[in-house]
Amino acid sequence: MKRERFEIMFSNEDDTYDEPNATGSPERRLILAVLERAMLDLAGNNRKDSEEAEAWIFNPPTETPYPEFSFPWVCEQLDLDQTEISKQIKAMPKRGESRLAPWYLMRSEIKEAA
């Protein structure tokens, strides 16, 4: 009985695992978390993390196919334009000496604009 349930839970009849960009899949959420972590590190106070995130985002590998979990590969998997998203990330405010992210302090302005 338990074995049947296991097989049903992990069945691939609908080809879910063959669609790398399936919305809401655990794999997609993992890849999105990698990008989010890099963005937080880039904007953060830790110099080493910020420098590593900056190198990962703005000095991507040139070989194709892109290495797994490189910035271009992550963008490709999330259907993001690598050039456009890197421009947007570069325009993000940095945290500086504050322990709070700049966009956190600006959230009331964002709510008022909506």
PDB file of N, CA and C in Angstrom:
ATOM      1  N   MET A   1       0.830  -1.197   0.000  1.00  0.00           N
ATOM      2  CA  MET A   1       0.000   0.000   0.000  1.00  0.00           C
ATOM      3  C   MET A   1       0.873   1.260   0.000  1.00  0.00           C
ATOM      4  N   LYS A   2       1.859   1.321   0.882  1.00  0.00           N
ATOM      5  CA  LYS A   2       2.721   2.500   0.930  1.00  0.00           C
ATOM      6  C   LYS A   2       3.510   2.648  -0.358  1.00  0.00           C
ATOM      7  N   ARG A   3       3.948   1.550  -0.924  1.00  0.00           N
ATOM      8  CA  ARG A   3       4.727   1.606  -2.162  1.00  0.00           C
ATOM      9  C   ARG A   3       3.888   2.188  -3.292  1.00  0.00           C
ATOM     10  N   GLU A   4       2.627   1.803  -3.413  1.00  0.00           N
ATOM     11  CA  GLU A   4       1.752   2.338  -4.452  1.00  0.00           C
ATOM     12  C   GLU A   4       1.600   3.846  -4.286  1.00  0.00           C
ATOM     13  N   ARG A   5       1.400   4.289  -3.066  1.00  0.00           N
ATOM     14  CA  ARG A   5       1.249   5.721  -2.812  1.00  0.00           C
ATOM     15  C   ARG A   5       2.515   6.470  -3.220  1.00  0.00           C
ATOM     16  N   PHE A   6       3.689   5.912  -2.894  1.00  0.00           N
ATOM     17  CA  PHE A   6       4.957   6.543  -3.261  1.00  0.00           C
ATOM     18  C   PHE A   6       5.057   6.663  -4.784  1.00  0.00           C
ATOM     19  N   GLU A   7       4.714   5.616  -5.502  1.00  0.00           N
ATOM     20  CA  GLU A   7       4.795   5.639  -6.951  1.00  0.00           C
ATOM     21  C   GLU A   7       3.836   6.659  -7.545  1.00  0.00           C
ATOM     22  N   ILE A   8       2.677   6.812  -6.970  1.00  0.00           N
ATOM     23  CA  ILE A   8       1.702   7.784  -7.462  1.00  0.00           C
ATOM     24  C   ILE A   8       2.195   9.202  -7.190  1.00  0.00           C
ATOM     25  N   MET A   9       2.726   9.437  -6.009  1.00  0.00           N
ATOM     26  CA  MET A   9       3.199  10.777  -5.666  1.00  0.00           C
ATOM     27  C   MET A   9       4.314  11.230  -6.593  1.00  0.00           C
ATOM     28  N   PHE A  10       5.182  10.333  -7.025  1.00  0.00           N
ATOM     29  CA  PHE A  10       6.330  10.708  -7.822  1.00  0.00           C
ATOM     30  C   PHE A  10       6.199  10.260  -9.273  1.00  0.00           C
ATOM     31  N   SER A  11       4.985  10.023  -9.696  1.00  0.00           N
ATOM     32  CA  SER A  11       4.747   9.653 -11.079  1.00  0.00           C
ATOM     33  C   SER A  11       5.060  10.836 -11.987  1.00  0.00           C
ATOM     34  N   ASN A  12       5.536  10.573 -13.169  1.00  0.00           N
ATOM     35  CA  ASN A  12       5.864  11.639 -14.119  1.00  0.00           C
ATOM     36  C   ASN A  12       4.968  11.536 -15.357  1.00  0.00           C
ATOM     37  N   GLU A  13       3.738  11.081 -15.156  1.00  0.00           N
ATOM     38  CA  GLU A  13       2.822  10.902 -16.279  1.00  0.00           C
ATOM     39  C   GLU A  13       2.534  12.215 -17.002  1.00  0.00           C
ATOM     40  N   ASP A  14       2.492  13.316 -16.276  1.00  0.00           N
ATOM     41  CA  ASP A  14       2.165  14.598 -16.906  1.00  0.00           C
ATOM     42  C   ASP A  14       3.418  15.353 -17.353  1.00  0.00           C
ATOM     43  N   ASP A  15       4.584  14.707 -17.339  1.00  0.00           N
ATOM     44  CA  ASP A  15       5.852  15.299 -17.780  1.00  0.00           C
ATOM     45  C   ASP A  15       6.236  16.557 -17.015  1.00  0.00           C
ATOM     46  N   THR A  16       5.828  16.665 -15.762  1.00  0.00           N
ATOM     47  CA  THR A  16       6.150  17.844 -14.960  1.00  0.00           C
ATOM     48  C   THR A  16       7.640  18.090 -14.895  1.00  0.00           C
ATOM     49  N   TYR A  17       8.419  17.043 -14.762  1.00  0.00           N
ATOM     50  CA  TYR A  17       9.856  17.209 -14.584  1.00  0.00           C
ATOM     51  C   TYR A  17      10.578  17.503 -15.897  1.00  0.00           C
ATOM     52  N   ASP A  18       9.873  17.376 -17.017  1.00  0.00           N
ATOM     53  CA  ASP A  18      10.481  17.665 -18.309  1.00  0.00           C
ATOM     54  C   ASP A  18      10.324  19.134 -18.697  1.00  0.00           C
ATOM     55  N   GLU A  19       9.568  19.904 -17.921  1.00  0.00           N
ATOM     56  CA  GLU A  19       9.341  21.311 -18.209  1.00  0.00           C
ATOM     57  C   GLU A  19      10.147  22.142 -17.216  1.00  0.00           C
ATOM     58  N   PRO A  20      11.354  22.609 -17.598  1.00  0.00           N
ATOM     59  CA  PRO A  20      12.195  23.322 -16.642  1.00  0.00           C
ATOM     60  C   PRO A  20      11.599  24.635 -16.153  1.00  0.00           C
ATOM     61  N   ASN A  21      10.671  25.223 -16.901  1.00  0.00           N
ATOM     62  CA  ASN A  21      10.114  26.510 -16.503  1.00  0.00           C
ATOM     63  C   ASN A  21       8.682  26.403 -15.988  1.00  0.00           C
ATOM     64  N   ALA A  22       8.277  25.209 -15.558  1.00  0.00           N
ATOM     65  CA  ALA A  22       6.927  25.036 -15.044  1.00  0.00           C
ATOM     66  C   ALA A  22       6.709  25.954 -13.842  1.00  0.00           C
ATOM     67  N   THR A  23       5.678  26.748 -13.897  1.00  0.00           N
ATOM     68  CA  THR A  23       5.401  27.716 -12.836  1.00  0.00           C
ATOM     69  C   THR A  23       5.166  27.011 -11.515  1.00  0.00           C
ATOM     70  N   GLY A  24       5.852  27.490 -10.489  1.00  0.00           N
ATOM     71  CA  GLY A  24       5.622  26.995  -9.147  1.00  0.00           C
ATOM     72  C   GLY A  24       6.253  25.656  -8.840  1.00  0.00           C
ATOM     73  N   SER A  25       7.025  25.094  -9.737  1.00  0.00           N
ATOM     74  CA  SER A  25       7.640  23.805  -9.440  1.00  0.00           C
ATOM     75  C   SER A  25       8.707  24.008  -8.363  1.00  0.00           C
ATOM     76  N   PRO A  26       8.997  22.987  -7.591  1.00  0.00           N
ATOM     77  CA  PRO A  26      10.043  23.117  -6.572  1.00  0.00           C
ATOM     78  C   PRO A  26      11.387  23.514  -7.179  1.00  0.00           C
ATOM     79  N   GLU A  27      11.678  22.987  -8.357  1.00  0.00           N
ATOM     80  CA  GLU A  27      12.935  23.331  -9.009  1.00  0.00           C
ATOM     81  C   GLU A  27      12.988  24.817  -9.363  1.00  0.00           C
ATOM     82  N   ARG A  28      11.897  25.337  -9.865  1.00  0.00           N
ATOM     83  CA  ARG A  28      11.840  26.759 -10.229  1.00  0.00           C
ATOM     84  C   ARG A  28      11.978  27.636  -8.987  1.00  0.00           C
ATOM     85  N   ARG A  29      11.334  27.245  -7.907  1.00  0.00           N
ATOM     86  CA  ARG A  29      11.434  28.021  -6.667  1.00  0.00           C
ATOM     87  C   ARG A  29      12.866  27.995  -6.121  1.00  0.00           C
ATOM     88  N   LEU A  30      13.549  26.871  -6.272  1.00  0.00           N
ATOM     89  CA  LEU A  30      14.946  26.782  -5.845  1.00  0.00           C
ATOM     90  C   LEU A  30      15.819  27.736  -6.659  1.00  0.00           C
ATOM     91  N   ILE A  31      15.640  27.731  -7.961  1.00  0.00           N
ATOM     92  CA  ILE A  31      16.428  28.603  -8.831  1.00  0.00           C
ATOM     93  C   ILE A  31      16.127  30.070  -8.527  1.00  0.00           C
ATOM     94  N   LEU A  32      14.876  30.388  -8.279  1.00  0.00           N
ATOM     95  CA  LEU A  32      14.502  31.749  -7.913  1.00  0.00           C
ATOM     96  C   LEU A  32      15.142  32.151  -6.588  1.00  0.00           C
ATOM     97  N   ALA A  33      15.236  31.213  -5.656  1.00  0.00           N
ATOM     98  CA  ALA A  33      15.876  31.494  -4.367  1.00  0.00           C
ATOM     99  C   ALA A  33      17.364  31.783  -4.541  1.00  0.00           C
ATOM    100  N   VAL A  34      18.012  31.128  -5.494  1.00  0.00           N
ATOM    101  CA  VAL A  34      19.428  31.393  -5.770  1.00  0.00           C
ATOM    102  C   VAL A  34      19.592  32.833  -6.244  1.00  0.00           C
ATOM    103  N   LEU A  35      18.727  33.274  -7.166  1.00  0.00           N
ATOM    104  CA  LEU A  35      18.788  34.644  -7.668  1.00  0.00           C
ATOM    105  C   LEU A  35      18.479  35.647  -6.558  1.00  0.00           C
ATOM    106  N   GLU A  36      17.476  35.347  -5.759  1.00  0.00           N
ATOM    107  CA  GLU A  36      17.117  36.245  -4.657  1.00  0.00           C
ATOM    108  C   GLU A  36      18.267  36.377  -3.652  1.00  0.00           C
ATOM    109  N   ARG A  37      18.920  35.271  -3.337  1.00  0.00           N
ATOM    110  CA  ARG A  37      20.043  35.315  -2.394  1.00  0.00           C
ATOM    111  C   ARG A  37      21.179  36.182  -2.947  1.00  0.00           C
ATOM    112  N   ALA A  38      21.452  36.051  -4.230  1.00  0.00           N
ATOM    113  CA  ALA A  38      22.500  36.870  -4.844  1.00  0.00           C
ATOM    114  C   ALA A  38      22.139  38.349  -4.777  1.00  0.00           C
ATOM    115  N   MET A  39      20.880  38.672  -5.006  1.00  0.00           N
ATOM    116  CA  MET A  39      20.444  40.067  -4.945  1.00  0.00           C
ATOM    117  C   MET A  39      20.564  40.614  -3.527  1.00  0.00           C
ATOM    118  N   LEU A  40      20.190  39.818  -2.547  1.00  0.00           N
ATOM    119  CA  LEU A  40      20.299  40.248  -1.158  1.00  0.00           C
ATOM    120  C   LEU A  40      21.759  40.406  -0.750  1.00  0.00           C
ATOM    121  N   ASP A  41      22.603  39.479  -1.188  1.00  0.00           N
ATOM    122  CA  ASP A  41      24.030  39.579  -0.881  1.00  0.00           C
ATOM    123  C   ASP A  41      24.642  40.820  -1.525  1.00  0.00           C
ATOM    124  N   LEU A  42      24.265  41.100  -2.752  1.00  0.00           N
ATOM    125  CA  LEU A  42      24.792  42.261  -3.455  1.00  0.00           C
ATOM    126  C   LEU A  42      24.434  43.557  -2.731  1.00  0.00           C
ATOM    127  N   ALA A  43      23.217  43.640  -2.240  1.00  0.00           N
ATOM    128  CA  ALA A  43      22.747  44.855  -1.577  1.00  0.00           C
ATOM    129  C   ALA A  43      23.120  44.895  -0.099  1.00  0.00           C
ATOM    130  N   GLY A  44      23.667  43.817   0.416  1.00  0.00           N
ATOM    131  CA  GLY A  44      23.919  43.705   1.851  1.00  0.00           C
ATOM    132  C   GLY A  44      25.161  44.397   2.350  1.00  0.00           C
ATOM    133  N   ASN A  45      25.413  44.235   3.636  1.00  0.00           N
ATOM    134  CA  ASN A  45      26.533  44.875   4.322  1.00  0.00           C
ATOM    135  C   ASN A  45      27.820  44.074   4.282  1.00  0.00           C
ATOM    136  N   ASN A  46      27.743  42.781   4.028  1.00  0.00           N
ATOM    137  CA  ASN A  46      28.928  41.935   4.047  1.00  0.00           C
ATOM    138  C   ASN A  46      29.705  42.126   2.741  1.00  0.00           C
ATOM    139  N   ARG A  47      30.885  42.692   2.845  1.00  0.00           N
ATOM    140  CA  ARG A  47      31.673  43.032   1.655  1.00  0.00           C
ATOM    141  C   ARG A  47      31.997  41.803   0.810  1.00  0.00           C
ATOM    142  N   LYS A  48      32.422  40.719   1.448  1.00  0.00           N
ATOM    143  CA  LYS A  48      32.801  39.506   0.707  1.00  0.00           C
ATOM    144  C   LYS A  48      31.598  38.950  -0.057  1.00  0.00           C
ATOM    145  N   ASP A  49      30.449  38.831   0.623  1.00  0.00           N
ATOM    146  CA  ASP A  49      29.238  38.329  -0.038  1.00  0.00           C
ATOM    147  C   ASP A  49      28.823  39.244  -1.181  1.00  0.00           C
ATOM    148  N   SER A  50      28.925  40.545  -0.954  1.00  0.00           N
ATOM    149  CA  SER A  50      28.554  41.514  -1.973  1.00  0.00           C
ATOM    150  C   SER A  50      29.459  41.403  -3.201  1.00  0.00           C
ATOM    151  N   GLU A  51      30.753  41.262  -2.979  1.00  0.00           N
ATOM    152  CA  GLU A  51      31.697  41.131  -4.092  1.00  0.00           C
ATOM    153  C   GLU A  51      31.468  39.835  -4.867  1.00  0.00           C
ATOM    154  N   GLU A  52      31.194  38.745  -4.161  1.00  0.00           N
ATOM    155  CA  GLU A  52      30.939  37.467  -4.828  1.00  0.00           C
ATOM    156  C   GLU A  52      29.655  37.530  -5.652  1.00  0.00           C
ATOM    157  N   ALA A  53      28.623  38.150  -5.094  1.00  0.00           N
ATOM    158  CA  ALA A  53      27.354  38.292  -5.822  1.00  0.00           C
ATOM    159  C   ALA A  53      27.544  39.184  -7.049  1.00  0.00           C
ATOM    160  N   GLU A  54      28.313  40.248  -6.887  1.00  0.00           N
ATOM    161  CA  GLU A  54      28.579  41.150  -8.006  1.00  0.00           C
ATOM    162  C   GLU A  54      29.311  40.420  -9.135  1.00  0.00           C
ATOM    163  N   ALA A  55      30.299  39.630  -8.785  1.00  0.00           N
ATOM    164  CA  ALA A  55      31.031  38.853  -9.793  1.00  0.00           C
ATOM    165  C   ALA A  55      30.116  37.834 -10.465  1.00  0.00           C
ATOM    166  N   TRP A  56      29.262  37.183  -9.706  1.00  0.00           N
ATOM    167  CA  TRP A  56      28.353  36.170 -10.245  1.00  0.00           C
ATOM    168  C   TRP A  56      27.370  36.790 -11.234  1.00  0.00           C
ATOM    169  N   ILE A  57      26.857  37.976 -10.891  1.00  0.00           N
ATOM    170  CA  ILE A  57      25.849  38.623 -11.733  1.00  0.00           C
ATOM    171  C   ILE A  57      26.481  39.346 -12.924  1.00  0.00           C
ATOM    172  N   PHE A  58      27.517  40.127 -12.676  1.00  0.00           N
ATOM    173  CA  PHE A  58      28.018  41.034 -13.706  1.00  0.00           C
ATOM    174  C   PHE A  58      29.227  40.513 -14.492  1.00  0.00           C
ATOM    175  N   ASN A  59      29.767  39.370 -14.116  1.00  0.00           N
ATOM    176  CA  ASN A  59      30.868  38.749 -14.861  1.00  0.00           C
ATOM    177  C   ASN A  59      30.505  37.303 -15.181  1.00  0.00           C
ATOM    178  N   PRO A  60      29.439  37.123 -15.959  1.00  0.00           N
ATOM    179  CA  PRO A  60      28.971  35.757 -16.217  1.00  0.00           C
ATOM    180  C   PRO A  60      29.928  34.999 -17.138  1.00  0.00           C
ATOM    181  N   PRO A  61      29.853  33.669 -17.105  1.00  0.00           N
ATOM    182  CA  PRO A  61      30.690  32.866 -17.995  1.00  0.00           C
ATOM    183  C   PRO A  61      30.276  33.087 -19.449  1.00  0.00           C
ATOM    184  N   THR A  62      31.209  32.924 -20.349  1.00  0.00           N
ATOM    185  CA  THR A  62      30.911  33.146 -21.767  1.00  0.00           C
ATOM    186  C   THR A  62      30.667  31.853 -22.525  1.00  0.00           C
ATOM    187  N   GLU A  63      31.085  30.718 -21.964  1.00  0.00           N
ATOM    188  CA  GLU A  63      30.906  29.460 -22.694  1.00  0.00           C
ATOM    189  C   GLU A  63      29.430  29.068 -22.738  1.00  0.00           C
ATOM    190  N   THR A  64      29.054  28.411 -23.819  1.00  0.00           N
ATOM    191  CA  THR A  64      27.705  27.892 -23.947  1.00  0.00           C
ATOM    192  C   THR A  64      27.800  26.402 -24.231  1.00  0.00           C
ATOM    193  N   PRO A  65      26.910  25.589 -23.730  1.00  0.00           N
ATOM    194  CA  PRO A  65      25.820  26.007 -22.853  1.00  0.00           C
ATOM    195  C   PRO A  65      26.354  26.522 -21.522  1.00  0.00           C
ATOM    196  N   TYR A  66      25.560  27.392 -20.911  1.00  0.00           N
ATOM    197  CA  TYR A  66      25.991  27.989 -19.652  1.00  0.00           C
ATOM    198  C   TYR A  66      26.093  26.924 -18.561  1.00  0.00           C
ATOM    199  N   PRO A  67      27.088  27.062 -17.685  1.00  0.00           N
ATOM    200  CA  PRO A  67      27.188  26.115 -16.559  1.00  0.00           C
ATOM    201  C   PRO A  67      25.952  26.231 -15.664  1.00  0.00           C
ATOM    202  N   GLU A  68      25.531  25.109 -15.137  1.00  0.00           N
ATOM    203  CA  GLU A  68      24.365  25.113 -14.250  1.00  0.00           C
ATOM    204  C   GLU A  68      24.604  26.030 -13.062  1.00  0.00           C
ATOM    205  N   PHE A  69      23.592  26.772 -12.729  1.00  0.00           N
ATOM    206  CA  PHE A  69      23.553  27.712 -11.612  1.00  0.00           C
ATOM    207  C   PHE A  69      24.438  28.939 -11.824  1.00  0.00           C
ATOM    208  N   SER A  70      24.914  29.155 -13.039  1.00  0.00           N
ATOM    209  CA  SER A  70      25.557  30.432 -13.344  1.00  0.00           C
ATOM    210  C   SER A  70      24.433  31.445 -13.546  1.00  0.00           C
ATOM    211  N   PHE A  71      24.747  32.728 -13.481  1.00  0.00           N
ATOM    212  CA  PHE A  71      23.713  33.759 -13.633  1.00  0.00           C
ATOM    213  C   PHE A  71      22.961  33.629 -14.959  1.00  0.00           C
ATOM    214  N   PRO A  72      23.630  33.454 -16.101  1.00  0.00           N
ATOM    215  CA  PRO A  72      22.885  33.308 -17.357  1.00  0.00           C
ATOM    216  C   PRO A  72      21.983  32.076 -17.359  1.00  0.00           C
ATOM    217  N   TRP A  73      22.456  30.982 -16.769  1.00  0.00           N
ATOM    218  CA  TRP A  73      21.661  29.761 -16.710  1.00  0.00           C
ATOM    219  C   TRP A  73      20.420  29.979 -15.853  1.00  0.00           C
ATOM    220  N   VAL A  74      20.593  30.646 -14.708  1.00  0.00           N
ATOM    221  CA  VAL A  74      19.455  30.935 -13.823  1.00  0.00           C
ATOM    222  C   VAL A  74      18.433  31.794 -14.562  1.00  0.00           C
ATOM    223  N   CYS A  75      18.902  32.834 -15.244  1.00  0.00           N
ATOM    224  CA  CYS A  75      17.989  33.701 -16.002  1.00  0.00           C
ATOM    225  C   CYS A  75      17.252  32.915 -17.077  1.00  0.00           C
ATOM    226  N   GLU A  76      17.975  32.058 -17.764  1.00  0.00           N
ATOM    227  CA  GLU A  76      17.372  31.236 -18.812  1.00  0.00           C
ATOM    228  C   GLU A  76      16.285  30.335 -18.238  1.00  0.00           C
ATOM    229  N   GLN A  77      16.556  29.719 -17.102  1.00  0.00           N
ATOM    230  CA  GLN A  77      15.591  28.813 -16.484  1.00  0.00           C
ATOM    231  C   GLN A  77      14.348  29.550 -15.995  1.00  0.00           C
ATOM    232  N   LEU A  78      14.508  30.820 -15.626  1.00  0.00           N
ATOM    233  CA  LEU A  78      13.389  31.620 -15.110  1.00  0.00           C
ATOM    234  C   LEU A  78      12.745  32.482 -16.197  1.00  0.00           C
ATOM    235  N   ASP A  79      13.151  32.284 -17.432  1.00  0.00           N
ATOM    236  CA  ASP A  79      12.631  33.068 -18.567  1.00  0.00           C
ATOM    237  C   ASP A  79      12.851  34.564 -18.380  1.00  0.00           C
ATOM    238  N   LEU A  80      14.013  34.930 -17.877  1.00  0.00           N
ATOM    239  CA  LEU A  80      14.360  36.337 -17.676  1.00  0.00           C
ATOM    240  C   LEU A  80      15.406  36.748 -18.703  1.00  0.00           C
ATOM    241  N   ASP A  81      15.312  37.981 -19.163  1.00  0.00           N
ATOM    242  CA  ASP A  81      16.325  38.527 -20.059  1.00  0.00           C
ATOM    243  C   ASP A  81      17.536  38.888 -19.206  1.00  0.00           C
ATOM    244  N   GLN A  82      18.635  38.203 -19.428  1.00  0.00           N
ATOM    245  CA  GLN A  82      19.834  38.385 -18.599  1.00  0.00           C
ATOM    246  C   GLN A  82      20.300  39.831 -18.590  1.00  0.00           C
ATOM    247  N   THR A  83      20.321  40.487 -19.732  1.00  0.00           N
ATOM    248  CA  THR A  83      20.792  41.863 -19.819  1.00  0.00           C
ATOM    249  C   THR A  83      19.876  42.806 -19.052  1.00  0.00           C
ATOM    250  N   GLU A  84      18.580  42.651 -19.248  1.00  0.00           N
ATOM    251  CA  GLU A  84      17.608  43.536 -18.590  1.00  0.00           C
ATOM    252  C   GLU A  84      17.605  43.332 -17.075  1.00  0.00           C
ATOM    253  N   ILE A  85      17.621  42.090 -16.635  1.00  0.00           N
ATOM    254  CA  ILE A  85      17.569  41.835 -15.193  1.00  0.00           C
ATOM    255  C   ILE A  85      18.850  42.305 -14.522  1.00  0.00           C
ATOM    256  N   SER A  86      20.002  42.179 -15.182  1.00  0.00           N
ATOM    257  CA  SER A  86      21.231  42.667 -14.565  1.00  0.00           C
ATOM    258  C   SER A  86      21.219  44.195 -14.472  1.00  0.00           C
ATOM    259  N   LYS A  87      20.612  44.885 -15.450  1.00  0.00           N
ATOM    260  CA  LYS A  87      20.461  46.345 -15.362  1.00  0.00           C
ATOM    261  C   LYS A  87      19.595  46.728 -14.166  1.00  0.00           C
ATOM    262  N   GLN A  88      18.498  46.008 -13.988  1.00  0.00           N
ATOM    263  CA  GLN A  88      17.599  46.298 -12.870  1.00  0.00           C
ATOM    264  C   GLN A  88      18.271  46.022 -11.534  1.00  0.00           C
ATOM    265  N   ILE A  89      19.033  44.958 -11.459  1.00  0.00           N
ATOM    266  CA  ILE A  89      19.739  44.631 -10.217  1.00  0.00           C
ATOM    267  C   ILE A  89      20.789  45.696  -9.921  1.00  0.00           C
ATOM    268  N   LYS A  90      21.491  46.143 -10.956  1.00  0.00           N
ATOM    269  CA  LYS A  90      22.518  47.169 -10.770  1.00  0.00           C
ATOM    270  C   LYS A  90      21.919  48.476 -10.245  1.00  0.00           C
ATOM    271  N   ALA A  91      20.679  48.770 -10.625  1.00  0.00           N
ATOM    272  CA  ALA A  91      20.003  49.999 -10.201  1.00  0.00           C
ATOM    273  C   ALA A  91      19.442  49.912  -8.780  1.00  0.00           C
ATOM    274  N   MET A  92      19.437  48.721  -8.180  1.00  0.00           N
ATOM    275  CA  MET A  92      18.915  48.571  -6.815  1.00  0.00           C
ATOM    276  C   MET A  92      19.760  49.368  -5.833  1.00  0.00           C
ATOM    277  N   PRO A  93      19.117  50.000  -4.860  1.00  0.00           N
ATOM    278  CA  PRO A  93      19.913  50.718  -3.844  1.00  0.00           C
ATOM    279  C   PRO A  93      20.667  49.737  -2.954  1.00  0.00           C
ATOM    280  N   LYS A  94      21.856  50.124  -2.537  1.00  0.00           N
ATOM    281  CA  LYS A  94      22.648  49.300  -1.627  1.00  0.00           C
ATOM    282  C   LYS A  94      22.270  49.641  -0.192  1.00  0.00           C
ATOM    283  N   ARG A  95      22.518  48.739   0.675  1.00  0.00           N
ATOM    284  CA  ARG A  95      22.137  48.881   2.070  1.00  0.00           C
ATOM    285  C   ARG A  95      23.029  49.867   2.820  1.00  0.00           C
ATOM    286  N   GLY A  96      24.273  49.943   2.465  1.00  0.00           N
ATOM    287  CA  GLY A  96      25.190  50.838   3.170  1.00  0.00           C
ATOM    288  C   GLY A  96      25.416  50.361   4.590  1.00  0.00           C
ATOM    289  N   GLU A  97      25.381  51.273   5.544  1.00  0.00           N
ATOM    290  CA  GLU A  97      25.616  50.916   6.948  1.00  0.00           C
ATOM    291  C   GLU A  97      24.342  50.479   7.662  1.00  0.00           C
ATOM    292  N   SER A  98      23.179  50.724   7.062  1.00  0.00           N
ATOM    293  CA  SER A  98      21.906  50.369   7.684  1.00  0.00           C
ATOM    294  C   SER A  98      21.736  48.853   7.719  1.00  0.00           C
ATOM    295  N   ARG A  99      21.117  48.362   8.769  1.00  0.00           N
ATOM    296  CA  ARG A  99      20.838  46.928   8.849  1.00  0.00           C
ATOM    297  C   ARG A  99      19.561  46.587   8.088  1.00  0.00           C
ATOM    298  N   LEU A 100      18.785  47.611   7.717  1.00  0.00           N
ATOM    299  CA  LEU A 100      17.549  47.388   6.972  1.00  0.00           C
ATOM    300  C   LEU A 100      17.779  47.644   5.487  1.00  0.00           C
ATOM    301  N   ALA A 101      17.122  46.855   4.666  1.00  0.00           N
ATOM    302  CA  ALA A 101      17.221  47.052   3.219  1.00  0.00           C
ATOM    303  C   ALA A 101      16.504  48.346   2.844  1.00  0.00           C
ATOM    304  N   PRO A 102      17.057  49.107   1.891  1.00  0.00           N
ATOM    305  CA  PRO A 102      16.452  50.382   1.497  1.00  0.00           C
ATOM    306  C   PRO A 102      15.007  50.242   1.025  1.00  0.00           C
ATOM    307  N   TRP A 103      14.703  49.149   0.295  1.00  0.00           N
ATOM    308  CA  TRP A 103      13.338  48.976  -0.192  1.00  0.00           C
ATOM    309  C   TRP A 103      12.365  48.673   0.941  1.00  0.00           C
ATOM    310  N   TYR A 104      12.849  48.172   2.063  1.00  0.00           N
ATOM    311  CA  TYR A 104      11.986  47.939   3.217  1.00  0.00           C
ATOM    312  C   TYR A 104      11.519  49.267   3.785  1.00  0.00           C
ATOM    313  N   LEU A 105      12.433  50.225   3.840  1.00  0.00           N
ATOM    314  CA  LEU A 105      12.084  51.542   4.353  1.00  0.00           C
ATOM    315  C   LEU A 105      11.181  52.299   3.391  1.00  0.00           C
ATOM    316  N   MET A 106      11.228  51.952   2.110  1.00  0.00           N
ATOM    317  CA  MET A 106      10.437  52.648   1.108  1.00  0.00           C
ATOM    318  C   MET A 106       9.062  51.991   0.903  1.00  0.00           C
ATOM    319  N   ARG A 107       8.711  50.969   1.632  1.00  0.00           N
ATOM    320  CA  ARG A 107       7.480  50.224   1.354  1.00  0.00           C
ATOM    321  C   ARG A 107       6.230  51.056   1.543  1.00  0.00           C
ATOM    322  N   SER A 108       6.223  52.024   2.470  1.00  0.00           N
ATOM    323  CA  SER A 108       5.040  52.858   2.654  1.00  0.00           C
ATOM    324  C   SER A 108       4.835  53.739   1.416  1.00  0.00           C
ATOM    325  N   GLU A 109       5.917  54.210   0.800  1.00  0.00           N
ATOM    326  CA  GLU A 109       5.823  54.991  -0.426  1.00  0.00           C
ATOM    327  C   GLU A 109       5.269  54.135  -1.561  1.00  0.00           C
ATOM    328  N   ILE A 110       5.671  52.887  -1.596  1.00  0.00           N
ATOM    329  CA  ILE A 110       5.212  51.977  -2.636  1.00  0.00           C
ATOM    330  C   ILE A 110       3.731  51.712  -2.470  1.00  0.00           C
ATOM    331  N   LYS A 111       3.272  51.502  -1.224  1.00  0.00           N
ATOM    332  CA  LYS A 111       1.845  51.243  -0.966  1.00  0.00           C
ATOM    333  C   LYS A 111       1.015  52.464  -1.340  1.00  0.00           C
ATOM    334  N   GLU A 112       1.503  53.666  -1.038  1.00  0.00           N
ATOM    335  CA  GLU A 112       0.762  54.881  -1.340  1.00  0.00           C
ATOM    336  C   GLU A 112       0.637  55.074  -2.848  1.00  0.00           C
ATOM    337  N   ALA A 113       1.655  54.698  -3.599  1.00  0.00           N
ATOM    338  CA  ALA A 113       1.642  54.862  -5.041  1.00  0.00           C
ATOM    339  C   ALA A 113       0.665  53.891  -5.703  1.00  0.00           C
ATOM    340  N   ALA A 114       0.430  52.756  -5.057  1.00  0.00           N
ATOM    341  CA  ALA A 114      -0.469  51.728  -5.630  1.00  0.00           C
ATOM    342  C   ALA A 114      -1.876  52.074  -5.376  1.00  0.00           C
TER     343      ALA A 114
END
